[in-house]
Amino acid sequence: MAVIALLIGFSFIIAVGFLAAFLWAVKSGQYDDKYTPSVRMLFDDNDTIK
């Protein structure tokens, strides 16, 4: 029974760690993509054709 309580405690700590990493990534601008890479292929890039 003590092992189950220990595993639940560790999983809670890991979940809080992942939440903190996600919030840090959002706050630092990791997901602020104004110019989506999936749309770049729709535009002509005349610099590569010479």
Protein backbone atom coordinates (compact mmCIF):
# COMPACT_ATOMS: atom_id res chain seq x y z
CA MET A 1 0.00 0.00 0.00
CA ALA A 2 2.87 2.35 0.77
CA VAL A 3 4.28 1.74 -2.71
CA ILE A 4 1.04 2.93 -4.31
CA ALA A 5 1.10 6.13 -2.25
CA LEU A 6 4.75 6.65 -3.22
CA LEU A 7 4.00 6.15 -6.93
CA ILE A 8 1.05 8.54 -6.77
CA GLY A 9 3.27 11.13 -5.10
CA PHE A 10 5.99 10.74 -7.75
CA SER A 11 3.47 10.91 -10.59
CA PHE A 12 2.03 14.09 -9.09
CA ILE A 13 5.51 15.64 -8.91
CA ILE A 14 6.22 14.67 -12.53
CA ALA A 15 2.85 16.08 -13.65
CA VAL A 16 3.58 19.38 -11.89
CA GLY A 17 7.00 19.43 -13.56
CA PHE A 18 5.46 18.98 -17.01
CA LEU A 19 2.91 21.69 -16.26
CA ALA A 20 5.67 24.07 -15.17
CA ALA A 21 7.67 23.30 -18.34
CA PHE A 22 4.60 23.93 -20.50
CA LEU A 23 3.81 27.21 -18.79
CA TRP A 24 7.46 28.29 -19.12
CA ALA A 25 7.38 27.48 -22.85
CA VAL A 26 4.17 29.46 -23.35
CA LYS A 27 5.50 32.41 -21.37
CA SER A 28 8.81 32.47 -23.24
CA GLY A 29 7.04 32.64 -26.61
CA GLN A 30 7.68 29.10 -27.80
CA TYR A 31 4.21 28.87 -29.35
CA ASP A 32 4.02 32.40 -30.80
CA ASP A 33 4.23 31.50 -34.47
CA LYS A 34 2.99 34.42 -36.49
CA TYR A 35 4.18 33.01 -39.82
CA THR A 36 3.18 29.38 -39.86
CA PRO A 37 5.76 27.11 -41.52
CA SER A 38 3.04 24.98 -43.08
CA VAL A 39 1.90 27.97 -45.16
CA ARG A 40 5.38 28.96 -46.39
CA MET A 41 5.25 26.49 -49.26
CA LEU A 42 2.27 28.34 -50.75
CA PHE A 43 4.36 31.44 -51.47
CA ASP A 44 6.90 31.81 -54.26
CA ASP A 45 10.50 32.10 -53.21
CA ASN A 46 12.26 33.78 -56.12
CA ASP A 47 15.64 33.79 -54.38
CA THR A 48 16.15 30.07 -54.98
CA ILE A 49 15.45 30.22 -58.72
CA LYS A 50 18.42 31.79 -60.52
